[in-house]
Amino acid sequence: MDHVDFVTQQWERERPDLDVSAMGIIGRVGRLYLAYQAEMQRTFQRFGLNAAKFDVLATLRRAGAPHELSPGDLLKATMVASGTMTNRIDRLEADGLVRRKVNPADSRSFLIALTEKGGALIDEALEAHVATQSGLLKGLKAEELDQFKDLLSKALISAGSD
């Protein structure tokens, strides 16, 4: 029995007319999110990063060589507000992890590119991040992981997200 069971059992006792099974699922997803985020944040901190900085560096890295994107493409890939992205880029640039460069296809705009330092850092941090995520799921068997992934995907679609 976990904490969510405790809460839903109280509601079942107090309001037996309500089906609170969805509350149990949503509650567990929320608690899982918080637990996962806390552990991943510890990993990011080992590399002087936070989730936001990691997100930008990882997005540039997975874009493939030459590991650069326009600010608009970064916005689409990370789904944050324009001002938020500018702030992230400014901080990463100050840390020497990315640089702005003139877009050769349109000199009125620029691209955000990983620096050598940024590329080395994200590669190292990514390995630790993947290990952290694997560790968070170590209690599940391979078959259960596949089922979990499929169910979460269906739940995302059902909730109107991708």
C-alpha atoms as a PDB file:
ATOM      1  CA  MET A   1       0.000   0.000   0.000  1.00  0.00           C
ATOM      2  CA  ASP A   2       1.410   3.402  -0.984  1.00  0.00           C
ATOM      3  CA  HIS A   3       0.385   6.923   0.009  1.00  0.00           C
ATOM      4  CA  VAL A   4      -1.988   7.228  -2.936  1.00  0.00           C
ATOM      5  CA  ASP A   5      -3.833   4.089  -1.778  1.00  0.00           C
ATOM      6  CA  PHE A   6      -4.200   5.707   1.631  1.00  0.00           C
ATOM      7  CA  VAL A   7      -5.749   8.856   0.112  1.00  0.00           C
ATOM      8  CA  THR A   8      -8.061   7.038  -2.292  1.00  0.00           C
ATOM      9  CA  GLN A   9      -9.259   4.678   0.447  1.00  0.00           C
ATOM     10  CA  GLN A  10     -10.188   7.689   2.556  1.00  0.00           C
ATOM     11  CA  TRP A  11     -12.191   9.121  -0.343  1.00  0.00           C
ATOM     12  CA  GLU A  12     -13.843   5.766  -0.987  1.00  0.00           C
ATOM     13  CA  ARG A  13     -14.897   5.682   2.666  1.00  0.00           C
ATOM     14  CA  GLU A  14     -16.082   9.304   2.745  1.00  0.00           C
ATOM     15  CA  ARG A  15     -17.586   9.461  -0.740  1.00  0.00           C
ATOM     16  CA  PRO A  16     -18.490   5.925  -1.844  1.00  0.00           C
ATOM     17  CA  ASP A  17     -20.652   7.467  -4.564  1.00  0.00           C
ATOM     18  CA  LEU A  18     -17.513   8.628  -6.454  1.00  0.00           C
ATOM     19  CA  ASP A  19     -15.190   6.470  -8.541  1.00  0.00           C
ATOM     20  CA  VAL A  20     -11.752   7.753  -7.509  1.00  0.00           C
ATOM     21  CA  SER A  21      -9.721   5.237  -9.514  1.00  0.00           C
ATOM     22  CA  ALA A  22      -8.521   7.991 -11.882  1.00  0.00           C
ATOM     23  CA  MET A  23      -7.350   9.956  -8.842  1.00  0.00           C
ATOM     24  CA  GLY A  24      -5.137   7.020  -7.925  1.00  0.00           C
ATOM     25  CA  ILE A  25      -3.527   6.910 -11.338  1.00  0.00           C
ATOM     26  CA  ILE A  26      -3.060  10.661 -11.672  1.00  0.00           C
ATOM     27  CA  GLY A  27      -1.751  10.872  -8.101  1.00  0.00           C
ATOM     28  CA  ARG A  28       0.835   8.190  -8.777  1.00  0.00           C
ATOM     29  CA  VAL A  29       1.924   9.813 -12.037  1.00  0.00           C
ATOM     30  CA  GLY A  30       2.382  13.105 -10.193  1.00  0.00           C
ATOM     31  CA  ARG A  31       4.353  11.521  -7.379  1.00  0.00           C
ATOM     32  CA  LEU A  32       6.480   9.603  -9.883  1.00  0.00           C
ATOM     33  CA  TYR A  33       7.193  12.829 -11.765  1.00  0.00           C
ATOM     34  CA  LEU A  34       8.403  14.516  -8.584  1.00  0.00           C
ATOM     35  CA  ALA A  35      10.545  11.543  -7.572  1.00  0.00           C
ATOM     36  CA  TYR A  36      12.056  11.255 -11.042  1.00  0.00           C
ATOM     37  CA  GLN A  37      12.728  14.997 -11.292  1.00  0.00           C
ATOM     38  CA  ALA A  38      14.451  15.119  -7.906  1.00  0.00           C
ATOM     39  CA  GLU A  39      16.834  12.312  -8.820  1.00  0.00           C
ATOM     40  CA  MET A  40      17.553  13.683 -12.291  1.00  0.00           C
ATOM     41  CA  GLN A  41      18.187  17.158 -10.827  1.00  0.00           C
ATOM     42  CA  ARG A  42      20.869  15.653  -8.586  1.00  0.00           C
ATOM     43  CA  THR A  43      22.528  14.211 -11.689  1.00  0.00           C
ATOM     44  CA  PHE A  44      22.352  17.534 -13.556  1.00  0.00           C
ATOM     45  CA  GLN A  45      23.869  19.360 -10.571  1.00  0.00           C
ATOM     46  CA  ARG A  46      26.934  17.098 -10.686  1.00  0.00           C
ATOM     47  CA  PHE A  47      27.690  18.727 -14.049  1.00  0.00           C
ATOM     48  CA  GLY A  48      26.808  22.295 -13.067  1.00  0.00           C
ATOM     49  CA  LEU A  49      23.537  22.069 -14.959  1.00  0.00           C
ATOM     50  CA  ASN A  50      19.838  22.238 -14.233  1.00  0.00           C
ATOM     51  CA  ALA A  51      16.996  20.686 -16.222  1.00  0.00           C
ATOM     52  CA  ALA A  52      16.597  23.801 -18.416  1.00  0.00           C
ATOM     53  CA  LYS A  53      20.277  23.994 -19.380  1.00  0.00           C
ATOM     54  CA  PHE A  54      20.419  20.246 -19.934  1.00  0.00           C
ATOM     55  CA  ASP A  55      17.348  20.469 -22.184  1.00  0.00           C
ATOM     56  CA  VAL A  56      18.919  23.072 -24.486  1.00  0.00           C
ATOM     57  CA  LEU A  57      22.285  21.314 -24.668  1.00  0.00           C
ATOM     58  CA  ALA A  58      20.651  17.931 -25.272  1.00  0.00           C
ATOM     59  CA  THR A  59      18.394  19.403 -27.976  1.00  0.00           C
ATOM     60  CA  LEU A  60      21.411  20.830 -29.802  1.00  0.00           C
ATOM     61  CA  ARG A  61      23.354  17.582 -29.404  1.00  0.00           C
ATOM     62  CA  ARG A  62      20.576  15.350 -30.715  1.00  0.00           C
ATOM     63  CA  ALA A  63      20.020  17.687 -33.688  1.00  0.00           C
ATOM     64  CA  GLY A  64      23.103  16.086 -35.254  1.00  0.00           C
ATOM     65  CA  ALA A  65      26.203  17.686 -36.688  1.00  0.00           C
ATOM     66  CA  PRO A  66      26.934  20.566 -36.755  1.00  0.00           C
ATOM     67  CA  HIS A  67      24.868  20.700 -33.505  1.00  0.00           C
ATOM     68  CA  GLU A  68      23.263  24.054 -34.131  1.00  0.00           C
ATOM     69  CA  LEU A  69      19.695  25.293 -34.424  1.00  0.00           C
ATOM     70  CA  SER A  70      17.902  28.562 -34.891  1.00  0.00           C
ATOM     71  CA  PRO A  71      16.319  30.009 -31.751  1.00  0.00           C
ATOM     72  CA  GLY A  72      12.912  29.249 -33.319  1.00  0.00           C
ATOM     73  CA  ASP A  73      13.792  25.593 -33.789  1.00  0.00           C
ATOM     74  CA  LEU A  74      15.040  25.451 -30.206  1.00  0.00           C
ATOM     75  CA  LEU A  75      11.741  26.933 -29.058  1.00  0.00           C
ATOM     76  CA  LYS A  76       9.760  24.293 -30.948  1.00  0.00           C
ATOM     77  CA  ALA A  77      11.919  21.457 -29.660  1.00  0.00           C
ATOM     78  CA  THR A  78      11.743  22.564 -26.025  1.00  0.00           C
ATOM     79  CA  MET A  79       8.316  24.257 -25.932  1.00  0.00           C
ATOM     80  CA  VAL A  80       9.245  27.249 -23.769  1.00  0.00           C
ATOM     81  CA  ALA A  81       8.463  30.932 -24.181  1.00  0.00           C
ATOM     82  CA  SER A  82      10.744  33.112 -26.289  1.00  0.00           C
ATOM     83  CA  GLY A  83      11.981  35.194 -23.355  1.00  0.00           C
ATOM     84  CA  THR A  84      12.719  32.058 -21.380  1.00  0.00           C
ATOM     85  CA  MET A  85      14.758  30.646 -24.249  1.00  0.00           C
ATOM     86  CA  THR A  86      16.730  33.881 -24.629  1.00  0.00           C
ATOM     87  CA  ASN A  87      17.587  33.735 -20.931  1.00  0.00           C
ATOM     88  CA  ARG A  88      18.700  30.093 -21.212  1.00  0.00           C
ATOM     89  CA  ILE A  89      20.866  30.850 -24.244  1.00  0.00           C
ATOM     90  CA  ASP A  90      22.418  33.869 -22.499  1.00  0.00           C
ATOM     91  CA  ARG A  91      23.345  31.762 -19.478  1.00  0.00           C
ATOM     92  CA  LEU A  92      24.740  28.905 -21.558  1.00  0.00           C
ATOM     93  CA  GLU A  93      26.713  31.363 -23.658  1.00  0.00           C
ATOM     94  CA  ALA A  94      28.141  32.991 -20.504  1.00  0.00           C
ATOM     95  CA  ASP A  95      29.213  29.501 -19.370  1.00  0.00           C
ATOM     96  CA  GLY A  96      30.955  28.921 -22.725  1.00  0.00           C
ATOM     97  CA  LEU A  97      28.684  26.007 -23.606  1.00  0.00           C
ATOM     98  CA  VAL A  98      26.969  27.527 -26.659  1.00  0.00           C
ATOM     99  CA  ARG A  99      27.692  30.400 -29.020  1.00  0.00           C
ATOM    100  CA  ARG A 100      25.597  32.530 -31.284  1.00  0.00           C
ATOM    101  CA  LYS A 101      26.724  32.620 -34.896  1.00  0.00           C
ATOM    102  CA  VAL A 102      25.384  34.353 -37.965  1.00  0.00           C
ATOM    103  CA  ASN A 103      23.067  32.137 -39.967  1.00  0.00           C
ATOM    104  CA  PRO A 104      24.810  31.564 -43.330  1.00  0.00           C
ATOM    105  CA  ALA A 105      21.392  31.130 -44.990  1.00  0.00           C
ATOM    106  CA  ASP A 106      20.112  34.484 -43.653  1.00  0.00           C
ATOM    107  CA  SER A 107      22.584  37.008 -42.279  1.00  0.00           C
ATOM    108  CA  ARG A 108      19.749  38.809 -40.444  1.00  0.00           C
ATOM    109  CA  SER A 109      19.370  35.857 -38.074  1.00  0.00           C
ATOM    110  CA  PHE A 110      21.644  33.677 -36.029  1.00  0.00           C
ATOM    111  CA  LEU A 111      22.085  30.068 -34.977  1.00  0.00           C
ATOM    112  CA  ILE A 112      22.825  28.640 -31.554  1.00  0.00           C
ATOM    113  CA  ALA A 113      25.721  26.177 -31.709  1.00  0.00           C
ATOM    114  CA  LEU A 114      27.285  23.881 -29.149  1.00  0.00           C
ATOM    115  CA  THR A 115      30.853  24.812 -28.337  1.00  0.00           C
ATOM    116  CA  GLU A 116      33.462  22.101 -27.957  1.00  0.00           C
ATOM    117  CA  LYS A 117      33.142  22.512 -24.180  1.00  0.00           C
ATOM    118  CA  GLY A 118      29.334  22.276 -24.403  1.00  0.00           C
ATOM    119  CA  GLY A 119      29.492  19.172 -26.583  1.00  0.00           C
ATOM    120  CA  ALA A 120      31.876  17.407 -24.210  1.00  0.00           C
ATOM    121  CA  LEU A 121      29.760  18.367 -21.197  1.00  0.00           C
ATOM    122  CA  ILE A 122      26.447  17.216 -22.661  1.00  0.00           C
ATOM    123  CA  ASP A 123      27.947  13.907 -23.785  1.00  0.00           C
ATOM    124  CA  GLU A 124      29.231  13.240 -20.273  1.00  0.00           C
ATOM    125  CA  ALA A 125      26.052  14.473 -18.572  1.00  0.00           C
ATOM    126  CA  LEU A 126      23.879  12.468 -20.959  1.00  0.00           C
ATOM    127  CA  GLU A 127      25.608   9.216 -20.022  1.00  0.00           C
ATOM    128  CA  ALA A 128      24.988   9.923 -16.334  1.00  0.00           C
ATOM    129  CA  HIS A 129      21.394  11.004 -17.063  1.00  0.00           C
ATOM    130  CA  VAL A 130      20.626   7.774 -18.930  1.00  0.00           C
ATOM    131  CA  ALA A 131      22.132   5.767 -16.060  1.00  0.00           C
ATOM    132  CA  THR A 132      20.022   7.716 -13.550  1.00  0.00           C
ATOM    133  CA  GLN A 133      16.851   7.110 -15.530  1.00  0.00           C
ATOM    134  CA  SER A 134      17.650   3.407 -15.879  1.00  0.00           C
ATOM    135  CA  GLY A 135      18.222   3.212 -12.137  1.00  0.00           C
ATOM    136  CA  LEU A 136      14.853   4.806 -11.458  1.00  0.00           C
ATOM    137  CA  LEU A 137      13.192   1.962 -13.376  1.00  0.00           C
ATOM    138  CA  LYS A 138      15.378  -0.891 -12.130  1.00  0.00           C
ATOM    139  CA  GLY A 139      12.476  -2.459 -10.214  1.00  0.00           C
ATOM    140  CA  LEU A 140      10.616  -3.237 -13.440  1.00  0.00           C
ATOM    141  CA  LYS A 141      11.256  -6.211 -15.702  1.00  0.00           C
ATOM    142  CA  ALA A 142      11.802  -5.695 -19.446  1.00  0.00           C
ATOM    143  CA  GLU A 143       8.244  -6.828 -20.240  1.00  0.00           C
ATOM    144  CA  GLU A 144       6.831  -4.482 -17.604  1.00  0.00           C
ATOM    145  CA  LEU A 145       8.869  -1.578 -18.995  1.00  0.00           C
ATOM    146  CA  ASP A 146       7.373  -2.184 -22.447  1.00  0.00           C
ATOM    147  CA  GLN A 147       3.857  -2.318 -21.004  1.00  0.00           C
ATOM    148  CA  PHE A 148       4.479   0.793 -18.898  1.00  0.00           C
ATOM    149  CA  LYS A 149       5.804   2.718 -21.906  1.00  0.00           C
ATOM    150  CA  ASP A 150       2.824   1.682 -24.027  1.00  0.00           C
ATOM    151  CA  LEU A 151       0.296   2.564 -21.324  1.00  0.00           C
ATOM    152  CA  LEU A 152       1.905   5.936 -20.675  1.00  0.00           C
ATOM    153  CA  SER A 153       1.853   6.663 -24.406  1.00  0.00           C
ATOM    154  CA  LYS A 154      -1.846   5.812 -24.577  1.00  0.00           C
ATOM    155  CA  ALA A 155      -2.514   7.970 -21.506  1.00  0.00           C
ATOM    156  CA  LEU A 156      -0.703  10.926 -23.081  1.00  0.00           C
ATOM    157  CA  ILE A 157      -2.749  10.592 -26.251  1.00  0.00           C
ATOM    158  CA  SER A 158      -5.940  10.206 -24.230  1.00  0.00           C
ATOM    159  CA  ALA A 159      -5.131  13.402 -22.320  1.00  0.00           C
ATOM    160  CA  GLY A 160      -4.739  15.290 -25.598  1.00  0.00           C
ATOM    161  CA  SER A 161      -0.966  15.509 -25.453  1.00  0.00           C
ATOM    162  CA  ASP A 162       1.541  13.852 -27.688  1.00  0.00           C
END
